[in-house]
Amino acid sequence: MKVTVLGCSGSVPSPDSPASGYLVEADGFRLVLDLGHGAFGALQRYVDPADVDAMIVSHLHADHCIDLTAYIVSLRYGGQGHGRPDRPLPLIGPPRIRERLGTAYDPFAADLGLDELFRFEEATPTELGPFGVTFAPMNHPTPTNAIRLRYGDRTLVYSADTGESPELIELARGADVLLCEASFGPDDEYVPNLHLTGRQAGEHAAKADVQRLIVTHIPPWVPRDVVVGEAEAAFGAPVERAVAGAVYTV
């Protein structure tokens, strides 16, 4: 799997990164995980939006889904390339994603025709092109799913947003790569059931016995090196930090 970081800033865009968005490719199939503030612009550096094969949205907070409103414009009015695909784009997400997207795009329109652009599906185990996809509910104030992608004998797990979560440990068990949020810094007031610290991200990765940990979703006001250091101490091995534009091979 080839994983391109479209954006990895937590909660809001930072000066050097959009909010959450990841492009995962294998065998010519293009899958997008989340599309927060600014991530749609970054997506266009790597692929014509009309050529994306499927999307998964982990949850409906704006920093993970709001650029779907830009996607509507691109698919409807031609975008940068050959325009609207010949069939609706599969869009997997939590309940009420159609309503959330419609409200964000135009709360006053009677009919946005979103079903002509997207095929809305619930987050259940499925096959997307070459990927086997499974989900687990996370510990976050709004319905949120972590995502496990299997391609051949390789596995990638994306935590999305979560507080401490036994479900994340089970979903990530033995994964080759865990792309895990680490949003709380040492000077932040800790709020349970919301996000992870760097130490907690490392602990989850260690308990899941993953091979490689990449921390992501660090807000711009949090010291990144400190978060990575905390994660490394708990994981017991080197930890990488997601960077916008970085490409990882899983």
C-alpha atoms as a PDB file:
ATOM      1  CA  MET A   1       0.000   0.000   0.000  1.00  0.00           C
ATOM      2  CA  LYS A   2       1.144   3.507  -0.786  1.00  0.00           C
ATOM      3  CA  VAL A   3      -0.089   6.065   1.754  1.00  0.00           C
ATOM      4  CA  THR A   4       0.145   9.785   0.950  1.00  0.00           C
ATOM      5  CA  VAL A   5      -0.546  12.269   3.734  1.00  0.00           C
ATOM      6  CA  LEU A   6      -2.858  14.979   2.380  1.00  0.00           C
ATOM      7  CA  GLY A   7      -3.144  16.591   5.789  1.00  0.00           C
ATOM      8  CA  CYS A   8      -2.377  15.617   9.361  1.00  0.00           C
ATOM      9  CA  SER A   9      -2.925  18.672  11.547  1.00  0.00           C
ATOM     10  CA  GLY A  10      -5.191  18.081  14.521  1.00  0.00           C
ATOM     11  CA  SER A  11      -8.472  19.966  14.997  1.00  0.00           C
ATOM     12  CA  VAL A  12      -7.551  22.834  12.644  1.00  0.00           C
ATOM     13  CA  PRO A  13      -5.168  23.305   9.720  1.00  0.00           C
ATOM     14  CA  SER A  14      -1.663  24.400  10.651  1.00  0.00           C
ATOM     15  CA  PRO A  15       0.651  26.707   8.689  1.00  0.00           C
ATOM     16  CA  ASP A  16       2.298  23.635   7.165  1.00  0.00           C
ATOM     17  CA  SER A  17      -0.542  21.132   6.861  1.00  0.00           C
ATOM     18  CA  PRO A  18      -4.241  20.787   6.107  1.00  0.00           C
ATOM     19  CA  ALA A  19      -6.421  18.902   8.544  1.00  0.00           C
ATOM     20  CA  SER A  20      -6.886  15.139   8.282  1.00  0.00           C
ATOM     21  CA  GLY A  21      -6.786  13.406   4.906  1.00  0.00           C
ATOM     22  CA  TYR A  22      -4.959  10.358   3.535  1.00  0.00           C
ATOM     23  CA  LEU A  23      -4.749   8.829   0.071  1.00  0.00           C
ATOM     24  CA  VAL A  24      -4.180   5.056   0.049  1.00  0.00           C
ATOM     25  CA  GLU A  25      -3.347   3.326  -3.240  1.00  0.00           C
ATOM     26  CA  ALA A  26      -2.808  -0.276  -4.348  1.00  0.00           C
ATOM     27  CA  ASP A  27      -3.201  -1.993  -7.719  1.00  0.00           C
ATOM     28  CA  GLY A  28      -4.319   1.294  -9.261  1.00  0.00           C
ATOM     29  CA  PHE A  29      -7.210   1.669  -6.775  1.00  0.00           C
ATOM     30  CA  ARG A  30      -7.410   5.043  -5.007  1.00  0.00           C
ATOM     31  CA  LEU A  31      -9.029   5.246  -1.589  1.00  0.00           C
ATOM     32  CA  VAL A  32      -9.327   8.456   0.445  1.00  0.00           C
ATOM     33  CA  LEU A  33      -9.586   8.345   4.237  1.00  0.00           C
ATOM     34  CA  ASP A  34     -11.121  11.546   5.652  1.00  0.00           C
ATOM     35  CA  LEU A  35     -11.104  14.976   4.031  1.00  0.00           C
ATOM     36  CA  GLY A  36     -10.789  17.801   6.553  1.00  0.00           C
ATOM     37  CA  HIS A  37     -10.058  21.513   6.099  1.00  0.00           C
ATOM     38  CA  GLY A  38      -7.753  22.011   3.119  1.00  0.00           C
ATOM     39  CA  ALA A  39      -7.269  18.333   2.309  1.00  0.00           C
ATOM     40  CA  PHE A  40      -9.204  18.526  -0.962  1.00  0.00           C
ATOM     41  CA  GLY A  41      -6.722  21.043  -2.328  1.00  0.00           C
ATOM     42  CA  ALA A  42      -3.859  18.711  -1.451  1.00  0.00           C
ATOM     43  CA  LEU A  43      -5.667  15.738  -3.011  1.00  0.00           C
ATOM     44  CA  GLN A  44      -5.548  17.431  -6.412  1.00  0.00           C
ATOM     45  CA  ARG A  45      -1.740  17.337  -6.360  1.00  0.00           C
ATOM     46  CA  TYR A  46      -1.853  13.565  -6.611  1.00  0.00           C
ATOM     47  CA  VAL A  47      -5.022  12.549  -8.435  1.00  0.00           C
ATOM     48  CA  ASP A  48      -7.926  13.981 -10.389  1.00  0.00           C
ATOM     49  CA  PRO A  49     -10.779  13.906  -7.833  1.00  0.00           C
ATOM     50  CA  ALA A  50     -13.004  12.232 -10.428  1.00  0.00           C
ATOM     51  CA  ASP A  51     -10.563   9.304 -10.499  1.00  0.00           C
ATOM     52  CA  VAL A  52     -10.863   8.478  -6.804  1.00  0.00           C
ATOM     53  CA  ASP A  53     -12.450   5.029  -6.473  1.00  0.00           C
ATOM     54  CA  ALA A  54     -13.885   5.234  -2.930  1.00  0.00           C
ATOM     55  CA  MET A  55     -13.881   7.310   0.250  1.00  0.00           C
ATOM     56  CA  ILE A  56     -14.202   6.527   3.940  1.00  0.00           C
ATOM     57  CA  VAL A  57     -15.042   9.219   6.496  1.00  0.00           C
ATOM     58  CA  SER A  58     -14.227   8.259  10.070  1.00  0.00           C
ATOM     59  CA  HIS A  59     -16.583  10.765  11.719  1.00  0.00           C
ATOM     60  CA  LEU A  60     -18.428  13.996  11.124  1.00  0.00           C
ATOM     61  CA  HIS A  61     -16.299  16.585  12.887  1.00  0.00           C
ATOM     62  CA  ALA A  62     -15.332  19.299  10.422  1.00  0.00           C
ATOM     63  CA  ASP A  63     -11.591  18.641  10.553  1.00  0.00           C
ATOM     64  CA  HIS A  64     -12.275  15.188   9.094  1.00  0.00           C
ATOM     65  CA  CYS A  65     -15.084  15.810   6.594  1.00  0.00           C
ATOM     66  CA  ILE A  66     -15.713  19.470   5.744  1.00  0.00           C
ATOM     67  CA  ASP A  67     -13.831  19.438   2.417  1.00  0.00           C
ATOM     68  CA  LEU A  68     -16.450  17.049   1.074  1.00  0.00           C
ATOM     69  CA  THR A  69     -18.320  20.269   0.294  1.00  0.00           C
ATOM     70  CA  ALA A  70     -15.535  21.163  -2.143  1.00  0.00           C
ATOM     71  CA  TYR A  71     -15.758  17.663  -3.579  1.00  0.00           C
ATOM     72  CA  ILE A  72     -19.420  18.291  -4.424  1.00  0.00           C
ATOM     73  CA  VAL A  73     -18.453  21.315  -6.511  1.00  0.00           C
ATOM     74  CA  SER A  74     -15.678  19.409  -8.266  1.00  0.00           C
ATOM     75  CA  LEU A  75     -17.855  16.424  -9.156  1.00  0.00           C
ATOM     76  CA  ARG A  76     -20.843  18.523 -10.197  1.00  0.00           C
ATOM     77  CA  TYR A  77     -19.177  21.221 -12.253  1.00  0.00           C
ATOM     78  CA  GLY A  78     -16.241  19.435 -13.806  1.00  0.00           C
ATOM     79  CA  GLY A  79     -13.401  20.067 -11.410  1.00  0.00           C
ATOM     80  CA  GLN A  80      -9.892  20.088 -12.824  1.00  0.00           C
ATOM     81  CA  GLY A  81     -10.087  17.085 -15.121  1.00  0.00           C
ATOM     82  CA  HIS A  82     -12.704  15.196 -17.055  1.00  0.00           C
ATOM     83  CA  GLY A  83     -15.384  15.981 -14.517  1.00  0.00           C
ATOM     84  CA  ARG A  84     -18.069  13.818 -13.010  1.00  0.00           C
ATOM     85  CA  PRO A  85     -17.377  10.071 -12.868  1.00  0.00           C
ATOM     86  CA  ASP A  86     -19.778   7.757 -14.682  1.00  0.00           C
ATOM     87  CA  ARG A  87     -21.187   6.413 -11.408  1.00  0.00           C
ATOM     88  CA  PRO A  88     -21.625   7.762  -7.864  1.00  0.00           C
ATOM     89  CA  LEU A  89     -18.503   7.696  -5.706  1.00  0.00           C
ATOM     90  CA  PRO A  90     -18.784   5.155  -2.858  1.00  0.00           C
ATOM     91  CA  LEU A  91     -18.703   7.119   0.406  1.00  0.00           C
ATOM     92  CA  ILE A  92     -18.615   5.070   3.608  1.00  0.00           C
ATOM     93  CA  GLY A  93     -19.222   6.820   6.894  1.00  0.00           C
ATOM     94  CA  PRO A  94     -21.164   7.045  10.138  1.00  0.00           C
ATOM     95  CA  PRO A  95     -24.925   7.545  10.387  1.00  0.00           C
ATOM     96  CA  ARG A  96     -26.345  10.823   9.072  1.00  0.00           C
ATOM     97  CA  ILE A  97     -23.394  11.565   6.807  1.00  0.00           C
ATOM     98  CA  ARG A  98     -25.750  12.550   3.956  1.00  0.00           C
ATOM     99  CA  GLU A  99     -27.550  15.056   6.201  1.00  0.00           C
ATOM    100  CA  ARG A 100     -24.286  16.425   7.587  1.00  0.00           C
ATOM    101  CA  LEU A 101     -22.865  16.958   4.128  1.00  0.00           C
ATOM    102  CA  GLY A 102     -26.040  18.570   2.826  1.00  0.00           C
ATOM    103  CA  THR A 103     -26.236  20.989   5.753  1.00  0.00           C
ATOM    104  CA  ALA A 104     -22.602  21.972   5.410  1.00  0.00           C
ATOM    105  CA  TYR A 105     -22.932  22.547   1.660  1.00  0.00           C
ATOM    106  CA  ASP A 106     -26.282  24.367   1.557  1.00  0.00           C
ATOM    107  CA  PRO A 107     -28.698  24.235   4.499  1.00  0.00           C
ATOM    108  CA  PHE A 108     -31.463  25.933   2.485  1.00  0.00           C
ATOM    109  CA  ALA A 109     -31.536  23.775  -0.654  1.00  0.00           C
ATOM    110  CA  ALA A 110     -34.547  21.506  -1.025  1.00  0.00           C
ATOM    111  CA  ASP A 111     -32.706  18.888  -3.065  1.00  0.00           C
ATOM    112  CA  LEU A 112     -28.939  18.818  -3.541  1.00  0.00           C
ATOM    113  CA  GLY A 113     -28.948  15.635  -5.613  1.00  0.00           C
ATOM    114  CA  LEU A 114     -26.176  14.159  -3.476  1.00  0.00           C
ATOM    115  CA  ASP A 115     -27.152  10.605  -4.366  1.00  0.00           C
ATOM    116  CA  GLU A 116     -26.174  11.367  -7.953  1.00  0.00           C
ATOM    117  CA  LEU A 117     -22.632  12.125  -6.777  1.00  0.00           C
ATOM    118  CA  PHE A 118     -22.097   9.759  -3.835  1.00  0.00           C
ATOM    119  CA  ARG A 119     -23.228   6.253  -2.970  1.00  0.00           C
ATOM    120  CA  PHE A 120     -23.640   6.527   0.791  1.00  0.00           C
ATOM    121  CA  GLU A 121     -22.851   3.350   2.725  1.00  0.00           C
ATOM    122  CA  GLU A 122     -22.638   2.451   6.396  1.00  0.00           C
ATOM    123  CA  ALA A 123     -19.365   1.380   7.961  1.00  0.00           C
ATOM    124  CA  THR A 124     -19.585  -2.409   7.886  1.00  0.00           C
ATOM    125  CA  PRO A 125     -16.890  -4.943   6.902  1.00  0.00           C
ATOM    126  CA  THR A 126     -16.468  -4.797   3.156  1.00  0.00           C
ATOM    127  CA  GLU A 127     -14.165  -5.164   0.162  1.00  0.00           C
ATOM    128  CA  LEU A 128     -13.098  -2.035  -1.693  1.00  0.00           C
ATOM    129  CA  GLY A 129     -11.101  -2.895  -4.765  1.00  0.00           C
ATOM    130  CA  PRO A 130      -8.016  -4.739  -3.490  1.00  0.00           C
ATOM    131  CA  PHE A 131      -8.648  -3.755   0.127  1.00  0.00           C
ATOM    132  CA  GLY A 132     -10.371  -5.681   2.857  1.00  0.00           C
ATOM    133  CA  VAL A 133     -11.886  -3.130   5.221  1.00  0.00           C
ATOM    134  CA  THR A 134     -12.998  -3.531   8.833  1.00  0.00           C
ATOM    135  CA  PHE A 135     -14.013  -0.977  11.425  1.00  0.00           C
ATOM    136  CA  ALA A 136     -14.213  -0.497  15.174  1.00  0.00           C
ATOM    137  CA  PRO A 137     -16.090   2.190  17.139  1.00  0.00           C
ATOM    138  CA  MET A 138     -13.818   4.631  18.934  1.00  0.00           C
ATOM    139  CA  ASN A 139     -14.061   6.537  22.204  1.00  0.00           C
ATOM    140  CA  HIS A 140     -15.016   9.988  20.919  1.00  0.00           C
ATOM    141  CA  PRO A 141     -17.999  12.306  21.552  1.00  0.00           C
ATOM    142  CA  THR A 142     -19.516  11.693  18.102  1.00  0.00           C
ATOM    143  CA  PRO A 143     -19.849   8.289  16.384  1.00  0.00           C
ATOM    144  CA  THR A 144     -16.355   7.541  15.103  1.00  0.00           C
ATOM    145  CA  ASN A 145     -14.796   4.531  13.418  1.00  0.00           C
ATOM    146  CA  ALA A 146     -11.187   3.452  13.287  1.00  0.00           C
ATOM    147  CA  ILE A 147     -10.347   1.707  10.017  1.00  0.00           C
ATOM    148  CA  ARG A 148      -8.262  -1.374   9.273  1.00  0.00           C
ATOM    149  CA  LEU A 149      -7.166  -1.919   5.673  1.00  0.00           C
ATOM    150  CA  ARG A 150      -5.800  -5.258   4.507  1.00  0.00           C
ATOM    151  CA  TYR A 151      -3.980  -5.640   1.207  1.00  0.00           C
ATOM    152  CA  GLY A 152      -2.562  -9.111   0.700  1.00  0.00           C
ATOM    153  CA  ASP A 153      -0.631  -9.830   3.880  1.00  0.00           C
ATOM    154  CA  ARG A 154      -0.134  -6.151   4.773  1.00  0.00           C
ATOM    155  CA  THR A 155      -2.288  -4.150   7.166  1.00  0.00           C
ATOM    156  CA  LEU A 156      -2.750  -0.464   7.935  1.00  0.00           C
ATOM    157  CA  VAL A 157      -4.859   0.786  10.847  1.00  0.00           C
ATOM    158  CA  TYR A 158      -5.996   4.400  11.135  1.00  0.00           C
ATOM    159  CA  SER A 159      -7.251   5.369  14.588  1.00  0.00           C
ATOM    160  CA  ALA A 160      -9.239   8.437  13.526  1.00  0.00           C
ATOM    161  CA  ASP A 161     -10.028  10.379  16.747  1.00  0.00           C
ATOM    162  CA  THR A 162     -10.301   8.583  20.063  1.00  0.00           C
ATOM    163  CA  GLY A 163      -9.631   8.613  23.750  1.00  0.00           C
ATOM    164  CA  GLU A 164      -8.269   5.504  25.409  1.00  0.00           C
ATOM    165  CA  SER A 165      -9.834   2.558  23.595  1.00  0.00           C
ATOM    166  CA  PRO A 166      -9.544  -1.218  24.032  1.00  0.00           C
ATOM    167  CA  GLU A 167     -11.320  -1.477  20.662  1.00  0.00           C
ATOM    168  CA  LEU A 168      -8.413   0.315  18.974  1.00  0.00           C
ATOM    169  CA  ILE A 169      -5.944  -2.150  20.488  1.00  0.00           C
ATOM    170  CA  GLU A 170      -7.951  -5.099  19.177  1.00  0.00           C
ATOM    171  CA  LEU A 171      -8.427  -3.597  15.717  1.00  0.00           C
ATOM    172  CA  ALA A 172      -4.707  -2.806  15.452  1.00  0.00           C
ATOM    173  CA  ARG A 173      -3.550  -6.209  16.736  1.00  0.00           C
ATOM    174  CA  GLY A 174      -0.421  -7.209  14.784  1.00  0.00           C
ATOM    175  CA  ALA A 175      -0.797  -4.432  12.181  1.00  0.00           C
ATOM    176  CA  ASP A 176       2.169  -3.457  10.057  1.00  0.00           C
ATOM    177  CA  VAL A 177       1.418   0.246  10.539  1.00  0.00           C
ATOM    178  CA  LEU A 178      -0.737   2.079  13.074  1.00  0.00           C
ATOM    179  CA  LEU A 179      -1.482   5.667  12.069  1.00  0.00           C
ATOM    180  CA  CYS A 180      -2.574   6.940  15.459  1.00  0.00           C
ATOM    181  CA  GLU A 181      -3.793  10.242  16.732  1.00  0.00           C
ATOM    182  CA  ALA A 182      -1.826  11.948  19.518  1.00  0.00           C
ATOM    183  CA  SER A 183      -3.594  15.220  20.131  1.00  0.00           C
ATOM    184  CA  PHE A 184      -2.930  16.155  23.751  1.00  0.00           C
ATOM    185  CA  GLY A 185       0.322  17.854  24.674  1.00  0.00           C
ATOM    186  CA  PRO A 186       1.923  18.024  28.118  1.00  0.00           C
ATOM    187  CA  ASP A 187       0.488  21.459  28.852  1.00  0.00           C
ATOM    188  CA  ASP A 188      -3.078  20.689  27.743  1.00  0.00           C
ATOM    189  CA  GLU A 189      -5.847  20.057  30.221  1.00  0.00           C
ATOM    190  CA  TYR A 190      -6.526  16.361  29.816  1.00  0.00           C
ATOM    191  CA  VAL A 191     -10.118  15.548  28.864  1.00  0.00           C
ATOM    192  CA  PRO A 192     -11.042  11.850  29.103  1.00  0.00           C
ATOM    193  CA  ASN A 193     -12.826  10.111  26.235  1.00  0.00           C
ATOM    194  CA  LEU A 194     -11.734  12.662  23.653  1.00  0.00           C
ATOM    195  CA  HIS A 195      -8.153  12.274  22.399  1.00  0.00           C
ATOM    196  CA  LEU A 196      -4.869  10.519  23.187  1.00  0.00           C
ATOM    197  CA  THR A 197      -1.576  11.844  24.486  1.00  0.00           C
ATOM    198  CA  GLY A 198       1.654  10.752  22.852  1.00  0.00           C
ATOM    199  CA  ARG A 199       2.235   8.354  25.732  1.00  0.00           C
ATOM    200  CA  GLN A 200      -1.206   6.804  25.307  1.00  0.00           C
ATOM    201  CA  ALA A 201      -0.688   6.401  21.556  1.00  0.00           C
ATOM    202  CA  GLY A 202       2.552   4.551  22.278  1.00  0.00           C
ATOM    203  CA  GLU A 203       0.867   2.382  24.893  1.00  0.00           C
ATOM    204  CA  HIS A 204      -1.928   1.410  22.527  1.00  0.00           C
ATOM    205  CA  ALA A 205       0.594   0.540  19.808  1.00  0.00           C
ATOM    206  CA  ALA A 206       2.681  -1.543  22.211  1.00  0.00           C
ATOM    207  CA  LYS A 207      -0.327  -3.454  23.528  1.00  0.00           C
ATOM    208  CA  ALA A 208      -1.458  -4.133  19.962  1.00  0.00           C
ATOM    209  CA  ASP A 209       2.039  -5.358  19.028  1.00  0.00           C
ATOM    210  CA  VAL A 210       2.135  -3.265  15.857  1.00  0.00           C
ATOM    211  CA  GLN A 211       5.304  -3.135  13.804  1.00  0.00           C
ATOM    212  CA  ARG A 212       5.376   0.599  13.117  1.00  0.00           C
ATOM    213  CA  LEU A 213       3.759   3.614  14.780  1.00  0.00           C
ATOM    214  CA  ILE A 214       3.146   6.927  13.020  1.00  0.00           C
ATOM    215  CA  VAL A 215       1.549   9.612  15.189  1.00  0.00           C
ATOM    216  CA  THR A 216      -0.759  12.123  13.583  1.00  0.00           C
ATOM    217  CA  HIS A 217      -3.493  14.702  14.352  1.00  0.00           C
ATOM    218  CA  ILE A 218      -1.180  16.861  16.471  1.00  0.00           C
ATOM    219  CA  PRO A 219      -2.685  20.370  16.768  1.00  0.00           C
ATOM    220  CA  PRO A 220      -0.473  23.317  15.816  1.00  0.00           C
ATOM    221  CA  TRP A 221      -0.238  24.527  19.438  1.00  0.00           C
ATOM    222  CA  VAL A 222       1.181  21.220  20.708  1.00  0.00           C
ATOM    223  CA  PRO A 223       4.970  20.620  20.684  1.00  0.00           C
ATOM    224  CA  ARG A 224       5.410  17.846  18.143  1.00  0.00           C
ATOM    225  CA  ASP A 225       8.812  16.616  19.278  1.00  0.00           C
ATOM    226  CA  VAL A 226       7.537  16.192  22.831  1.00  0.00           C
ATOM    227  CA  VAL A 227       4.582  14.128  21.612  1.00  0.00           C
ATOM    228  CA  VAL A 228       6.881  11.902  19.545  1.00  0.00           C
ATOM    229  CA  GLY A 229       9.237  11.475  22.483  1.00  0.00           C
ATOM    230  CA  GLU A 230       6.388  10.452  24.793  1.00  0.00           C
ATOM    231  CA  ALA A 231       5.134   7.981  22.199  1.00  0.00           C
ATOM    232  CA  GLU A 232       8.585   6.455  21.704  1.00  0.00           C
ATOM    233  CA  ALA A 233       9.097   5.978  25.442  1.00  0.00           C
ATOM    234  CA  ALA A 234       5.812   4.080  25.731  1.00  0.00           C
ATOM    235  CA  PHE A 235       6.140   2.146  22.457  1.00  0.00           C
ATOM    236  CA  GLY A 236       9.715   1.104  23.108  1.00  0.00           C
ATOM    237  CA  ALA A 237      10.836   1.757  19.534  1.00  0.00           C
ATOM    238  CA  PRO A 238      11.296   4.708  17.151  1.00  0.00           C
ATOM    239  CA  VAL A 239       8.099   6.552  16.287  1.00  0.00           C
ATOM    240  CA  GLU A 240       7.474   8.637  13.178  1.00  0.00           C
ATOM    241  CA  ARG A 241       5.358  11.772  12.925  1.00  0.00           C
ATOM    242  CA  ALA A 242       3.036  12.226   9.956  1.00  0.00           C
ATOM    243  CA  VAL A 243       3.975  15.165   7.742  1.00  0.00           C
ATOM    244  CA  ALA A 244       1.857  16.656   4.961  1.00  0.00           C
ATOM    245  CA  GLY A 245       3.091  15.334   1.610  1.00  0.00           C
ATOM    246  CA  ALA A 246       4.903  12.369   3.146  1.00  0.00           C
ATOM    247  CA  VAL A 247       4.543   9.025   1.380  1.00  0.00           C
ATOM    248  CA  TYR A 248       4.696   5.733   3.279  1.00  0.00           C
ATOM    249  CA  THR A 249       4.872   2.201   1.952  1.00  0.00           C
ATOM    250  CA  VAL A 250       3.007  -0.398   3.995  1.00  0.00           C
END
